[in-house]
Amino acid sequence: MLIADIQPGPEVARIILAGELDLATERDVRQAISQVTAAPRVEVDLGKLEYCDSTGVNLFVRAYLEAQATGRSFHLVNAHGLVAKVLDVCGVLTALDGSAESPATAGP
Protein backbone atom coordinates (compact mmCIF):
# COMPACT_ATOMS: atom_id res chain seq x y z
CA MET A 1 0.00 0.00 0.00
CA LEU A 2 1.15 3.51 -0.80
CA ILE A 3 -0.15 6.96 0.07
CA ALA A 4 0.90 9.97 -2.00
CA ASP A 5 0.01 13.27 -0.34
CA ILE A 6 0.31 16.07 -2.90
CA GLN A 7 1.08 19.58 -1.64
CA PRO A 8 1.12 21.85 -4.69
CA GLY A 9 2.74 25.25 -4.55
CA PRO A 10 3.60 27.98 -7.03
CA GLU A 11 7.36 27.60 -6.59
CA VAL A 12 7.80 24.24 -4.85
CA ALA A 13 5.43 21.31 -5.03
CA ARG A 14 5.90 18.51 -2.53
CA ILE A 15 4.75 14.93 -2.71
CA ILE A 16 4.93 13.00 0.55
CA LEU A 17 5.10 9.24 0.03
CA ALA A 18 4.22 6.72 2.72
CA GLY A 19 4.22 2.95 2.45
CA GLU A 20 5.78 0.86 -0.30
CA LEU A 21 6.75 1.86 -3.83
CA ASP A 22 6.91 -1.07 -6.22
CA LEU A 23 5.37 -2.27 -9.47
CA ALA A 24 1.90 -2.39 -7.90
CA THR A 25 2.00 1.25 -6.69
CA GLU A 26 4.20 2.93 -9.32
CA ARG A 27 1.19 4.26 -11.22
CA ASP A 28 -0.01 6.20 -8.15
CA VAL A 29 3.34 7.97 -7.80
CA ARG A 30 3.58 8.66 -11.53
CA GLN A 31 0.11 10.26 -11.42
CA ALA A 32 1.06 12.34 -8.38
CA ILE A 33 4.19 13.62 -10.12
CA SER A 34 2.19 14.48 -13.25
CA GLN A 35 -0.13 16.65 -11.14
CA VAL A 36 2.68 18.98 -10.05
CA THR A 37 4.59 19.51 -13.29
CA ALA A 38 3.72 23.22 -13.35
CA ALA A 39 5.94 23.91 -10.32
CA PRO A 40 9.55 24.86 -11.10
CA ARG A 41 10.74 22.60 -8.26
CA VAL A 42 9.28 19.27 -7.22
CA GLU A 43 10.34 17.59 -3.98
CA VAL A 44 9.39 14.03 -3.19
CA ASP A 45 9.56 13.43 0.56
CA LEU A 46 10.60 9.85 1.28
CA GLY A 47 10.59 10.19 5.07
CA LYS A 48 7.62 7.83 5.44
CA LEU A 49 8.48 5.52 2.54
CA GLU A 50 9.36 2.09 3.90
CA TYR A 51 10.26 0.27 0.68
CA CYS A 52 11.32 1.13 -2.86
CA ASP A 53 12.35 -1.36 -5.53
CA SER A 54 13.88 -0.84 -8.97
CA THR A 55 10.51 0.26 -10.33
CA GLY A 56 10.60 3.26 -8.00
CA VAL A 57 14.23 4.01 -8.79
CA ASN A 58 13.41 4.00 -12.50
CA LEU A 59 10.40 6.27 -11.93
CA PHE A 60 12.49 8.78 -9.96
CA VAL A 61 15.27 8.84 -12.57
CA ARG A 62 12.76 9.38 -15.39
CA ALA A 63 11.01 12.17 -13.47
CA TYR A 64 14.39 13.80 -12.77
CA LEU A 65 15.42 13.65 -16.44
CA GLU A 66 12.06 14.98 -17.63
CA ALA A 67 12.26 17.87 -15.17
CA GLN A 68 15.81 18.70 -16.25
CA ALA A 69 14.78 18.66 -19.93
CA THR A 70 12.09 21.28 -19.23
CA GLY A 71 14.21 23.52 -16.99
CA ARG A 72 12.63 22.40 -13.73
CA SER A 73 14.18 20.62 -10.77
CA PHE A 74 13.19 17.33 -9.19
CA HIS A 75 14.61 16.21 -5.85
CA LEU A 76 14.15 13.46 -3.33
CA VAL A 77 14.27 14.54 0.31
CA ASN A 78 14.41 12.67 3.61
CA ALA A 79 15.54 9.35 2.14
CA HIS A 80 16.54 7.02 4.95
CA GLY A 81 17.05 3.37 5.86
CA LEU A 82 16.42 0.76 3.18
CA VAL A 83 15.11 3.33 0.69
CA ALA A 84 18.29 5.42 0.93
CA LYS A 85 20.41 2.28 0.65
CA VAL A 86 18.60 1.13 -2.52
CA LEU A 87 18.99 4.57 -4.11
CA ASP A 88 22.66 4.69 -3.09
CA VAL A 89 23.45 1.18 -4.37
CA CYS A 90 21.83 2.13 -7.69
CA GLY A 91 24.12 5.17 -7.80
CA VAL A 92 21.36 7.80 -7.96
CA LEU A 93 20.92 9.05 -4.40
CA THR A 94 23.41 11.92 -4.66
CA ALA A 95 22.03 13.15 -7.99
CA LEU A 96 18.39 12.90 -6.96
CA ASP A 97 18.72 14.43 -3.50
CA GLY A 98 20.31 17.55 -4.98
CA SER A 99 23.60 17.22 -3.10
CA ALA A 100 25.50 16.81 -6.38
CA GLU A 101 24.48 20.29 -7.53
CA SER A 102 26.98 23.07 -7.21
CA PRO A 103 25.77 26.29 -5.54
CA ALA A 104 25.76 28.01 -8.93
CA THR A 105 23.38 25.44 -10.46
CA ALA A 106 21.27 24.57 -7.45
CA GLY A 107 17.56 25.30 -7.68
CA PRO A 108 15.70 27.70 -5.36
PDB file of N, CA and C in Angstrom:
ATOM      1  N   MET A   1       0.837  -1.181   0.000  1.00  0.00           N
ATOM      2  CA  MET A   1       0.000   0.000   0.000  1.00  0.00           C
ATOM      3  C   MET A   1       0.884   1.246   0.000  1.00  0.00           C
ATOM      4  N   LEU A   2       0.410   2.260  -0.702  1.00  0.00           N
ATOM      5  CA  LEU A   2       1.150   3.505  -0.797  1.00  0.00           C
ATOM      6  C   LEU A   2       0.179   4.671  -0.697  1.00  0.00           C
ATOM      7  N   ILE A   3       0.616   5.709  -0.004  1.00  0.00           N
ATOM      8  CA  ILE A   3      -0.149   6.957   0.073  1.00  0.00           C
ATOM      9  C   ILE A   3       0.736   8.050  -0.491  1.00  0.00           C
ATOM     10  N   ALA A   4       0.183   8.834  -1.416  1.00  0.00           N
ATOM     11  CA  ALA A   4       0.898   9.968  -1.995  1.00  0.00           C
ATOM     12  C   ALA A   4       0.115  11.229  -1.670  1.00  0.00           C
ATOM     13  N   ASP A   5       0.636  12.014  -0.744  1.00  0.00           N
ATOM     14  CA  ASP A   5       0.009  13.275  -0.338  1.00  0.00           C
ATOM     15  C   ASP A   5       0.626  14.394  -1.153  1.00  0.00           C
ATOM     16  N   ILE A   6      -0.174  15.024  -2.000  1.00  0.00           N
ATOM     17  CA  ILE A   6       0.307  16.066  -2.901  1.00  0.00           C
ATOM     18  C   ILE A   6       0.078  17.431  -2.264  1.00  0.00           C
ATOM     19  N   GLN A   7       1.152  18.220  -2.174  1.00  0.00           N
ATOM     20  CA  GLN A   7       1.078  19.576  -1.637  1.00  0.00           C
ATOM     21  C   GLN A   7       1.592  20.537  -2.709  1.00  0.00           C
ATOM     22  N   PRO A   8       0.686  20.964  -3.612  1.00  0.00           N
ATOM     23  CA  PRO A   8       1.122  21.848  -4.689  1.00  0.00           C
ATOM     24  C   PRO A   8       1.487  23.226  -4.166  1.00  0.00           C
ATOM     25  N   GLY A   9       2.353  23.887  -4.887  1.00  0.00           N
ATOM     26  CA  GLY A   9       2.742  25.253  -4.554  1.00  0.00           C
ATOM     27  C   GLY A   9       3.210  25.941  -5.815  1.00  0.00           C
ATOM     28  N   PRO A  10       3.201  27.265  -5.819  1.00  0.00           N
ATOM     29  CA  PRO A  10       3.595  27.983  -7.031  1.00  0.00           C
ATOM     30  C   PRO A  10       5.079  27.849  -7.363  1.00  0.00           C
ATOM     31  N   GLU A  11       5.919  27.726  -6.364  1.00  0.00           N
ATOM     32  CA  GLU A  11       7.361  27.604  -6.588  1.00  0.00           C
ATOM     33  C   GLU A  11       7.872  26.195  -6.312  1.00  0.00           C
ATOM     34  N   VAL A  12       7.379  25.590  -5.238  1.00  0.00           N
ATOM     35  CA  VAL A  12       7.800  24.240  -4.851  1.00  0.00           C
ATOM     36  C   VAL A  12       6.566  23.398  -4.597  1.00  0.00           C
ATOM     37  N   ALA A  13       6.498  22.277  -5.285  1.00  0.00           N
ATOM     38  CA  ALA A  13       5.434  21.310  -5.027  1.00  0.00           C
ATOM     39  C   ALA A  13       6.074  20.140  -4.297  1.00  0.00           C
ATOM     40  N   ARG A  14       5.364  19.617  -3.329  1.00  0.00           N
ATOM     41  CA  ARG A  14       5.905  18.514  -2.528  1.00  0.00           C
ATOM     42  C   ARG A  14       4.944  17.345  -2.601  1.00  0.00           C
ATOM     43  N   ILE A  15       5.515  16.169  -2.755  1.00  0.00           N
ATOM     44  CA  ILE A  15       4.748  14.927  -2.708  1.00  0.00           C
ATOM     45  C   ILE A  15       5.319  14.112  -1.558  1.00  0.00           C
ATOM     46  N   ILE A  16       4.486  13.795  -0.603  1.00  0.00           N
ATOM     47  CA  ILE A  16       4.927  13.004   0.548  1.00  0.00           C
ATOM     48  C   ILE A  16       4.450  11.573   0.329  1.00  0.00           C
ATOM     49  N   LEU A  17       5.417  10.651   0.257  1.00  0.00           N
ATOM     50  CA  LEU A  17       5.099   9.244   0.032  1.00  0.00           C
ATOM     51  C   LEU A  17       5.183   8.470   1.338  1.00  0.00           C
ATOM     52  N   ALA A  18       4.220   7.588   1.535  1.00  0.00           N
ATOM     53  CA  ALA A  18       4.216   6.722   2.718  1.00  0.00           C
ATOM     54  C   ALA A  18       3.836   5.318   2.271  1.00  0.00           C
ATOM     55  N   GLY A  19       4.540   4.333   2.791  1.00  0.00           N
ATOM     56  CA  GLY A  19       4.220   2.945   2.452  1.00  0.00           C
ATOM     57  C   GLY A  19       5.299   2.325   1.592  1.00  0.00           C
ATOM     58  N   GLU A  20       4.866   1.599   0.544  1.00  0.00           N
ATOM     59  CA  GLU A  20       5.783   0.858  -0.299  1.00  0.00           C
ATOM     60  C   GLU A  20       5.622   1.255  -1.764  1.00  0.00           C
ATOM     61  N   LEU A  21       6.738   1.519  -2.410  1.00  0.00           N
ATOM     62  CA  LEU A  21       6.753   1.862  -3.830  1.00  0.00           C
ATOM     63  C   LEU A  21       7.335   0.688  -4.599  1.00  0.00           C
ATOM     64  N   ASP A  22       6.485   0.056  -5.397  1.00  0.00           N
ATOM     65  CA  ASP A  22       6.907  -1.070  -6.219  1.00  0.00           C
ATOM     66  C   ASP A  22       6.051  -1.098  -7.476  1.00  0.00           C
ATOM     67  N   LEU A  23       6.100  -2.171  -8.212  1.00  0.00           N
ATOM     68  CA  LEU A  23       5.367  -2.266  -9.468  1.00  0.00           C
ATOM     69  C   LEU A  23       3.871  -2.047  -9.271  1.00  0.00           C
ATOM     70  N   ALA A  24       3.335  -2.506  -8.151  1.00  0.00           N
ATOM     71  CA  ALA A  24       1.897  -2.387  -7.898  1.00  0.00           C
ATOM     72  C   ALA A  24       1.462  -0.957  -7.586  1.00  0.00           C
ATOM     73  N   THR A  25       2.378  -0.105  -7.107  1.00  0.00           N
ATOM     74  CA  THR A  25       1.995   1.252  -6.692  1.00  0.00           C
ATOM     75  C   THR A  25       2.660   2.348  -7.520  1.00  0.00           C
ATOM     76  N   GLU A  26       3.473   1.969  -8.494  1.00  0.00           N
ATOM     77  CA  GLU A  26       4.200   2.931  -9.317  1.00  0.00           C
ATOM     78  C   GLU A  26       3.260   3.895 -10.023  1.00  0.00           C
ATOM     79  N   ARG A  27       2.144   3.417 -10.500  1.00  0.00           N
ATOM     80  CA  ARG A  27       1.190   4.263 -11.220  1.00  0.00           C
ATOM     81  C   ARG A  27       0.704   5.417 -10.346  1.00  0.00           C
ATOM     82  N   ASP A  28       0.462   5.155  -9.071  1.00  0.00           N
ATOM     83  CA  ASP A  28      -0.008   6.199  -8.154  1.00  0.00           C
ATOM     84  C   ASP A  28       1.025   7.328  -8.030  1.00  0.00           C
ATOM     85  N   VAL A  29       2.288   6.964  -7.935  1.00  0.00           N
ATOM     86  CA  VAL A  29       3.342   7.970  -7.803  1.00  0.00           C
ATOM     87  C   VAL A  29       3.506   8.725  -9.117  1.00  0.00           C
ATOM     88  N   ARG A  30       3.471   8.008 -10.216  1.00  0.00           N
ATOM     89  CA  ARG A  30       3.577   8.657 -11.528  1.00  0.00           C
ATOM     90  C   ARG A  30       2.463   9.684 -11.712  1.00  0.00           C
ATOM     91  N   GLN A  31       1.239   9.329 -11.318  1.00  0.00           N
ATOM     92  CA  GLN A  31       0.115  10.260 -11.419  1.00  0.00           C
ATOM     93  C   GLN A  31       0.306  11.464 -10.502  1.00  0.00           C
ATOM     94  N   ALA A  32       0.814  11.230  -9.308  1.00  0.00           N
ATOM     95  CA  ALA A  32       1.064  12.336  -8.377  1.00  0.00           C
ATOM     96  C   ALA A  32       2.091  13.304  -8.961  1.00  0.00           C
ATOM     97  N   ILE A  33       3.154  12.767  -9.527  1.00  0.00           N
ATOM     98  CA  ILE A  33       4.186  13.621 -10.125  1.00  0.00           C
ATOM     99  C   ILE A  33       3.606  14.409 -11.293  1.00  0.00           C
ATOM    100  N   SER A  34       2.762  13.784 -12.093  1.00  0.00           N
ATOM    101  CA  SER A  34       2.188  14.480 -13.248  1.00  0.00           C
ATOM    102  C   SER A  34       1.273  15.626 -12.836  1.00  0.00           C
ATOM    103  N   GLN A  35       0.758  15.590 -11.621  1.00  0.00           N
ATOM    104  CA  GLN A  35      -0.133  16.651 -11.143  1.00  0.00           C
ATOM    105  C   GLN A  35       0.621  17.907 -10.693  1.00  0.00           C
ATOM    106  N   VAL A  36       1.922  17.823 -10.555  1.00  0.00           N
ATOM    107  CA  VAL A  36       2.681  18.975 -10.050  1.00  0.00           C
ATOM    108  C   VAL A  36       3.734  19.468 -11.043  1.00  0.00           C
ATOM    109  N   THR A  37       3.573  19.137 -12.301  1.00  0.00           N
ATOM    110  CA  THR A  37       4.592  19.506 -13.287  1.00  0.00           C
ATOM    111  C   THR A  37       4.648  20.997 -13.578  1.00  0.00           C
ATOM    112  N   ALA A  38       3.679  21.774 -13.124  1.00  0.00           N
ATOM    113  CA  ALA A  38       3.719  23.222 -13.347  1.00  0.00           C
ATOM    114  C   ALA A  38       4.710  23.918 -12.408  1.00  0.00           C
ATOM    115  N   ALA A  39       5.012  23.302 -11.289  1.00  0.00           N
ATOM    116  CA  ALA A  39       5.936  23.911 -10.323  1.00  0.00           C
ATOM    117  C   ALA A  39       7.367  23.839 -10.840  1.00  0.00           C
ATOM    118  N   PRO A  40       8.157  24.899 -10.646  1.00  0.00           N
ATOM    119  CA  PRO A  40       9.550  24.865 -11.096  1.00  0.00           C
ATOM    120  C   PRO A  40      10.408  23.883 -10.307  1.00  0.00           C
ATOM    121  N   ARG A  41       9.998  23.556  -9.091  1.00  0.00           N
ATOM    122  CA  ARG A  41      10.745  22.602  -8.258  1.00  0.00           C
ATOM    123  C   ARG A  41       9.760  21.603  -7.669  1.00  0.00           C
ATOM    124  N   VAL A  42      10.083  20.330  -7.814  1.00  0.00           N
ATOM    125  CA  VAL A  42       9.282  19.266  -7.221  1.00  0.00           C
ATOM    126  C   VAL A  42      10.160  18.529  -6.220  1.00  0.00           C
ATOM    127  N   GLU A  43       9.647  18.367  -5.013  1.00  0.00           N
ATOM    128  CA  GLU A  43      10.339  17.592  -3.984  1.00  0.00           C
ATOM    129  C   GLU A  43       9.462  16.402  -3.621  1.00  0.00           C
ATOM    130  N   VAL A  44      10.078  15.232  -3.606  1.00  0.00           N
ATOM    131  CA  VAL A  44       9.385  14.028  -3.190  1.00  0.00           C
ATOM    132  C   VAL A  44       9.972  13.631  -1.839  1.00  0.00           C
ATOM    133  N   ASP A  45       9.136  13.721  -0.816  1.00  0.00           N
ATOM    134  CA  ASP A  45       9.559  13.433   0.558  1.00  0.00           C
ATOM    135  C   ASP A  45       9.431  11.936   0.813  1.00  0.00           C
ATOM    136  N   LEU A  46      10.560  11.293   1.073  1.00  0.00           N
ATOM    137  CA  LEU A  46      10.599   9.845   1.282  1.00  0.00           C
ATOM    138  C   LEU A  46      10.673   9.470   2.757  1.00  0.00           C
ATOM    139  N   GLY A  47      10.457  10.426   3.635  1.00  0.00           N
ATOM    140  CA  GLY A  47      10.587  10.191   5.066  1.00  0.00           C
ATOM    141  C   GLY A  47       9.692   9.090   5.613  1.00  0.00           C
ATOM    142  N   LYS A  48       8.555   8.865   4.976  1.00  0.00           N
ATOM    143  CA  LYS A  48       7.621   7.834   5.436  1.00  0.00           C
ATOM    144  C   LYS A  48       7.570   6.634   4.493  1.00  0.00           C
ATOM    145  N   LEU A  49       8.438   6.639   3.475  1.00  0.00           N
ATOM    146  CA  LEU A  49       8.482   5.524   2.536  1.00  0.00           C
ATOM    147  C   LEU A  49       9.296   4.400   3.154  1.00  0.00           C
ATOM    148  N   GLU A  50       8.722   3.220   3.242  1.00  0.00           N
ATOM    149  CA  GLU A  50       9.364   2.090   3.897  1.00  0.00           C
ATOM    150  C   GLU A  50      10.095   1.169   2.933  1.00  0.00           C
ATOM    151  N   TYR A  51       9.694   1.202   1.658  1.00  0.00           N
ATOM    152  CA  TYR A  51      10.259   0.270   0.682  1.00  0.00           C
ATOM    153  C   TYR A  51      10.222   0.896  -0.700  1.00  0.00           C
ATOM    154  N   CYS A  52      11.262   0.658  -1.468  1.00  0.00           N
ATOM    155  CA  CYS A  52      11.324   1.128  -2.855  1.00  0.00           C
ATOM    156  C   CYS A  52      12.156   0.120  -3.632  1.00  0.00           C
ATOM    157  N   ASP A  53      11.585  -0.426  -4.710  1.00  0.00           N
ATOM    158  CA  ASP A  53      12.347  -1.355  -5.533  1.00  0.00           C
ATOM    159  C   ASP A  53      12.834  -0.660  -6.802  1.00  0.00           C
ATOM    160  N   SER A  54      13.334  -1.423  -7.744  1.00  0.00           N
ATOM    161  CA  SER A  54      13.881  -0.842  -8.968  1.00  0.00           C
ATOM    162  C   SER A  54      12.831  -0.095  -9.784  1.00  0.00           C
ATOM    163  N   THR A  55      11.582  -0.457  -9.641  1.00  0.00           N
ATOM    164  CA  THR A  55      10.510   0.264 -10.332  1.00  0.00           C
ATOM    165  C   THR A  55      10.477   1.711  -9.851  1.00  0.00           C
ATOM    166  N   GLY A  56      10.586   1.909  -8.565  1.00  0.00           N
ATOM    167  CA  GLY A  56      10.597   3.259  -7.999  1.00  0.00           C
ATOM    168  C   GLY A  56      11.839   4.030  -8.394  1.00  0.00           C
ATOM    169  N   VAL A  57      12.982   3.358  -8.387  1.00  0.00           N
ATOM    170  CA  VAL A  57      14.230   4.010  -8.789  1.00  0.00           C
ATOM    171  C   VAL A  57      14.098   4.492 -10.228  1.00  0.00           C
ATOM    172  N   ASN A  58      13.601   3.635 -11.105  1.00  0.00           N
ATOM    173  CA  ASN A  58      13.410   4.002 -12.504  1.00  0.00           C
ATOM    174  C   ASN A  58      12.455   5.189 -12.636  1.00  0.00           C
ATOM    175  N   LEU A  59      11.376   5.173 -11.897  1.00  0.00           N
ATOM    176  CA  LEU A  59      10.404   6.271 -11.926  1.00  0.00           C
ATOM    177  C   LEU A  59      11.057   7.582 -11.502  1.00  0.00           C
ATOM    178  N   PHE A  60      11.831   7.562 -10.439  1.00  0.00           N
ATOM    179  CA  PHE A  60      12.487   8.778  -9.956  1.00  0.00           C
ATOM    180  C   PHE A  60      13.511   9.306 -10.975  1.00  0.00           C
ATOM    181  N   VAL A  61      14.268   8.410 -11.578  1.00  0.00           N
ATOM    182  CA  VAL A  61      15.267   8.841 -12.566  1.00  0.00           C
ATOM    183  C   VAL A  61      14.565   9.456 -13.777  1.00  0.00           C
ATOM    184  N   ARG A  62      13.504   8.832 -14.247  1.00  0.00           N
ATOM    185  CA  ARG A  62      12.764   9.377 -15.394  1.00  0.00           C
ATOM    186  C   ARG A  62      12.182  10.749 -15.066  1.00  0.00           C
ATOM    187  N   ALA A  63      11.602  10.885 -13.872  1.00  0.00           N
ATOM    188  CA  ALA A  63      11.015  12.171 -13.472  1.00  0.00           C
ATOM    189  C   ALA A  63      12.099  13.239 -13.379  1.00  0.00           C
ATOM    190  N   TYR A  64      13.257  12.873 -12.867  1.00  0.00           N
ATOM    191  CA  TYR A  64      14.387  13.801 -12.771  1.00  0.00           C
ATOM    192  C   TYR A  64      14.813  14.263 -14.160  1.00  0.00           C
ATOM    193  N   LEU A  65      14.982  13.325 -15.078  1.00  0.00           N
ATOM    194  CA  LEU A  65      15.423  13.655 -16.437  1.00  0.00           C
ATOM    195  C   LEU A  65      14.388  14.503 -17.171  1.00  0.00           C
ATOM    196  N   GLU A  66      13.111  14.183 -17.001  1.00  0.00           N
ATOM    197  CA  GLU A  66      12.056  14.980 -17.633  1.00  0.00           C
ATOM    198  C   GLU A  66      12.037  16.402 -17.079  1.00  0.00           C
ATOM    199  N   ALA A  67      12.218  16.534 -15.777  1.00  0.00           N
ATOM    200  CA  ALA A  67      12.258  17.873 -15.171  1.00  0.00           C
ATOM    201  C   ALA A  67      13.451  18.654 -15.705  1.00  0.00           C
ATOM    202  N   GLN A  68      14.611  18.030 -15.750  1.00  0.00           N
ATOM    203  CA  GLN A  68      15.812  18.700 -16.254  1.00  0.00           C
ATOM    204  C   GLN A  68      15.627  19.158 -17.702  1.00  0.00           C
ATOM    205  N   ALA A  69      14.980  18.333 -18.507  1.00  0.00           N
ATOM    206  CA  ALA A  69      14.777  18.656 -19.925  1.00  0.00           C
ATOM    207  C   ALA A  69      13.863  19.862 -20.121  1.00  0.00           C
ATOM    208  N   THR A  70      13.032  20.151 -19.120  1.00  0.00           N
ATOM    209  CA  THR A  70      12.094  21.275 -19.230  1.00  0.00           C
ATOM    210  C   THR A  70      12.497  22.446 -18.332  1.00  0.00           C
ATOM    211  N   GLY A  71      13.719  22.415 -17.794  1.00  0.00           N
ATOM    212  CA  GLY A  71      14.211  23.525 -16.991  1.00  0.00           C
ATOM    213  C   GLY A  71      13.674  23.572 -15.573  1.00  0.00           C
ATOM    214  N   ARG A  72      13.127  22.468 -15.110  1.00  0.00           N
ATOM    215  CA  ARG A  72      12.632  22.396 -13.733  1.00  0.00           C
ATOM    216  C   ARG A  72      13.584  21.538 -12.906  1.00  0.00           C
ATOM    217  N   SER A  73      13.355  21.493 -11.609  1.00  0.00           N
ATOM    218  CA  SER A  73      14.179  20.622 -10.768  1.00  0.00           C
ATOM    219  C   SER A  73      13.290  19.592 -10.074  1.00  0.00           C
ATOM    220  N   PHE A  74      13.878  18.445  -9.826  1.00  0.00           N
ATOM    221  CA  PHE A  74      13.190  17.333  -9.186  1.00  0.00           C
ATOM    222  C   PHE A  74      14.153  16.756  -8.167  1.00  0.00           C
ATOM    223  N   HIS A  75      13.723  16.694  -6.907  1.00  0.00           N
ATOM    224  CA  HIS A  75      14.607  16.214  -5.845  1.00  0.00           C
ATOM    225  C   HIS A  75      13.881  15.276  -4.897  1.00  0.00           C
ATOM    226  N   LEU A  76      14.626  14.332  -4.395  1.00  0.00           N
ATOM    227  CA  LEU A  76      14.152  13.456  -3.329  1.00  0.00           C
ATOM    228  C   LEU A  76      14.692  14.008  -2.019  1.00  0.00           C
ATOM    229  N   VAL A  77      13.841  14.054  -1.007  1.00  0.00           N
ATOM    230  CA  VAL A  77      14.265  14.536   0.308  1.00  0.00           C
ATOM    231  C   VAL A  77      13.903  13.507   1.371  1.00  0.00           C
ATOM    232  N   ASN A  78      14.651  13.514   2.438  1.00  0.00           N
ATOM    233  CA  ASN A  78      14.411  12.673   3.612  1.00  0.00           C
ATOM    234  C   ASN A  78      14.513  11.177   3.338  1.00  0.00           C
ATOM    235  N   ALA A  79      15.320  10.778   2.367  1.00  0.00           N
ATOM    236  CA  ALA A  79      15.542   9.347   2.144  1.00  0.00           C
ATOM    237  C   ALA A  79      16.301   8.786   3.338  1.00  0.00           C
ATOM    238  N   HIS A  80      15.889   7.625   3.788  1.00  0.00           N
ATOM    239  CA  HIS A  80      16.536   7.018   4.946  1.00  0.00           C
ATOM    240  C   HIS A  80      16.415   5.498   4.870  1.00  0.00           C
ATOM    241  N   GLY A  81      17.150   4.821   5.726  1.00  0.00           N
ATOM    242  CA  GLY A  81      17.050   3.372   5.862  1.00  0.00           C
ATOM    243  C   GLY A  81      17.211   2.622   4.552  1.00  0.00           C
ATOM    244  N   LEU A  82      16.365   1.624   4.358  1.00  0.00           N
ATOM    245  CA  LEU A  82      16.423   0.761   3.183  1.00  0.00           C
ATOM    246  C   LEU A  82      16.239   1.548   1.894  1.00  0.00           C
ATOM    247  N   VAL A  83      15.361   2.540   1.890  1.00  0.00           N
ATOM    248  CA  VAL A  83      15.113   3.327   0.690  1.00  0.00           C
ATOM    249  C   VAL A  83      16.384   4.076   0.282  1.00  0.00           C
ATOM    250  N   ALA A  84      17.043   4.711   1.231  1.00  0.00           N
ATOM    251  CA  ALA A  84      18.294   5.420   0.930  1.00  0.00           C
ATOM    252  C   ALA A  84      19.357   4.443   0.444  1.00  0.00           C
ATOM    253  N   LYS A  85      19.410   3.273   1.047  1.00  0.00           N
ATOM    254  CA  LYS A  85      20.407   2.281   0.645  1.00  0.00           C
ATOM    255  C   LYS A  85      20.174   1.817  -0.790  1.00  0.00           C
ATOM    256  N   VAL A  86      18.924   1.550  -1.155  1.00  0.00           N
ATOM    257  CA  VAL A  86      18.599   1.129  -2.523  1.00  0.00           C
ATOM    258  C   VAL A  86      18.999   2.219  -3.515  1.00  0.00           C
ATOM    259  N   LEU A  87      18.645   3.464  -3.228  1.00  0.00           N
ATOM    260  CA  LEU A  87      18.994   4.572  -4.112  1.00  0.00           C
ATOM    261  C   LEU A  87      20.506   4.742  -4.214  1.00  0.00           C
ATOM    262  N   ASP A  88      21.212   4.559  -3.102  1.00  0.00           N
ATOM    263  CA  ASP A  88      22.658   4.690  -3.087  1.00  0.00           C
ATOM    264  C   ASP A  88      23.320   3.563  -3.871  1.00  0.00           C
ATOM    265  N   VAL A  89      22.886   2.334  -3.665  1.00  0.00           N
ATOM    266  CA  VAL A  89      23.454   1.184  -4.375  1.00  0.00           C
ATOM    267  C   VAL A  89      23.238   1.330  -5.884  1.00  0.00           C
ATOM    268  N   CYS A  90      22.116   1.901  -6.265  1.00  0.00           N
ATOM    269  CA  CYS A  90      21.834   2.128  -7.690  1.00  0.00           C
ATOM    270  C   CYS A  90      22.610   3.313  -8.244  1.00  0.00           C
ATOM    271  N   GLY A  91      23.281   4.062  -7.373  1.00  0.00           N
ATOM    272  CA  GLY A  91      24.122   5.167  -7.803  1.00  0.00           C
ATOM    273  C   GLY A  91      23.380   6.447  -8.137  1.00  0.00           C
ATOM    274  N   VAL A  92      22.154   6.609  -7.613  1.00  0.00           N
ATOM    275  CA  VAL A  92      21.363   7.796  -7.960  1.00  0.00           C
ATOM    276  C   VAL A  92      21.027   8.695  -6.775  1.00  0.00           C
ATOM    277  N   LEU A  93      21.327   8.276  -5.580  1.00  0.00           N
ATOM    278  CA  LEU A  93      20.924   9.050  -4.398  1.00  0.00           C
ATOM    279  C   LEU A  93      21.495  10.472  -4.429  1.00  0.00           C
ATOM    280  N   THR A  94      22.777  10.607  -4.677  1.00  0.00           N
ATOM    281  CA  THR A  94      23.409  11.918  -4.658  1.00  0.00           C
ATOM    282  C   THR A  94      22.832  12.841  -5.724  1.00  0.00           C
ATOM    283  N   ALA A  95      22.599  12.326  -6.917  1.00  0.00           N
ATOM    284  CA  ALA A  95      22.034  13.152  -7.993  1.00  0.00           C
ATOM    285  C   ALA A  95      20.590  13.554  -7.686  1.00  0.00           C
ATOM    286  N   LEU A  96      19.814  12.626  -7.167  1.00  0.00           N
ATOM    287  CA  LEU A  96      18.393  12.900  -6.959  1.00  0.00           C
ATOM    288  C   LEU A  96      18.096  13.681  -5.693  1.00  0.00           C
ATOM    289  N   ASP A  97      18.999  13.652  -4.717  1.00  0.00           N
ATOM    290  CA  ASP A  97      18.719  14.427  -3.501  1.00  0.00           C
ATOM    291  C   ASP A  97      19.255  15.854  -3.603  1.00  0.00           C
ATOM    292  N   GLY A  98      19.854  16.181  -4.745  1.00  0.00           N
ATOM    293  CA  GLY A  98      20.313  17.547  -4.979  1.00  0.00           C
ATOM    294  C   GLY A  98      21.685  17.847  -4.425  1.00  0.00           C
ATOM    295  N   SER A  99      22.298  16.927  -3.711  1.00  0.00           N
ATOM    296  CA  SER A  99      23.598  17.217  -3.103  1.00  0.00           C
ATOM    297  C   SER A  99      24.724  17.250  -4.131  1.00  0.00           C
ATOM    298  N   ALA A 100      24.471  16.779  -5.334  1.00  0.00           N
ATOM    299  CA  ALA A 100      25.500  16.812  -6.377  1.00  0.00           C
ATOM    300  C   ALA A 100      25.542  18.150  -7.089  1.00  0.00           C
ATOM    301  N   GLU A 101      24.537  18.998  -6.870  1.00  0.00           N
ATOM    302  CA  GLU A 101      24.480  20.293  -7.535  1.00  0.00           C
ATOM    303  C   GLU A 101      25.479  21.254  -6.909  1.00  0.00           C
ATOM    304  N   SER A 102      26.119  22.024  -7.743  1.00  0.00           N
ATOM    305  CA  SER A 102      26.983  23.071  -7.209  1.00  0.00           C
ATOM    306  C   SER A 102      26.123  24.259  -6.817  1.00  0.00           C
ATOM    307  N   PRO A 103      26.583  25.132  -5.936  1.00  0.00           N
ATOM    308  CA  PRO A 103      25.770  26.291  -5.539  1.00  0.00           C
ATOM    309  C   PRO A 103      25.326  27.147  -6.723  1.00  0.00           C
ATOM    310  N   ALA A 104      26.116  27.194  -7.774  1.00  0.00           N
ATOM    311  CA  ALA A 104      25.762  28.011  -8.933  1.00  0.00           C
ATOM    312  C   ALA A 104      24.624  27.422  -9.746  1.00  0.00           C
ATOM    313  N   THR A 105      24.430  26.072  -9.664  1.00  0.00           N
ATOM    314  CA  THR A 105      23.382  25.440 -10.459  1.00  0.00           C
ATOM    315  C   THR A 105      22.225  24.955  -9.615  1.00  0.00           C
ATOM    316  N   ALA A 106      22.322  25.072  -8.330  1.00  0.00           N
ATOM    317  CA  ALA A 106      21.268  24.570  -7.446  1.00  0.00           C
ATOM    318  C   ALA A 106      19.992  25.371  -7.654  1.00  0.00           C
ATOM    319  N   GLY A 107      18.856  24.658  -7.537  1.00  0.00           N
ATOM    320  CA  GLY A 107      17.558  25.298  -7.684  1.00  0.00           C
ATOM    321  C   GLY A 107      17.216  26.133  -6.470  1.00  0.00           C
ATOM    322  N   PRO A 108      16.083  26.845  -6.485  1.00  0.00           N
ATOM    323  CA  PRO A 108      15.701  27.703  -5.358  1.00  0.00           C
ATOM    324  C   PRO A 108      15.470  26.926  -4.095  1.00  0.00           C
TER     325      PRO A 108
END
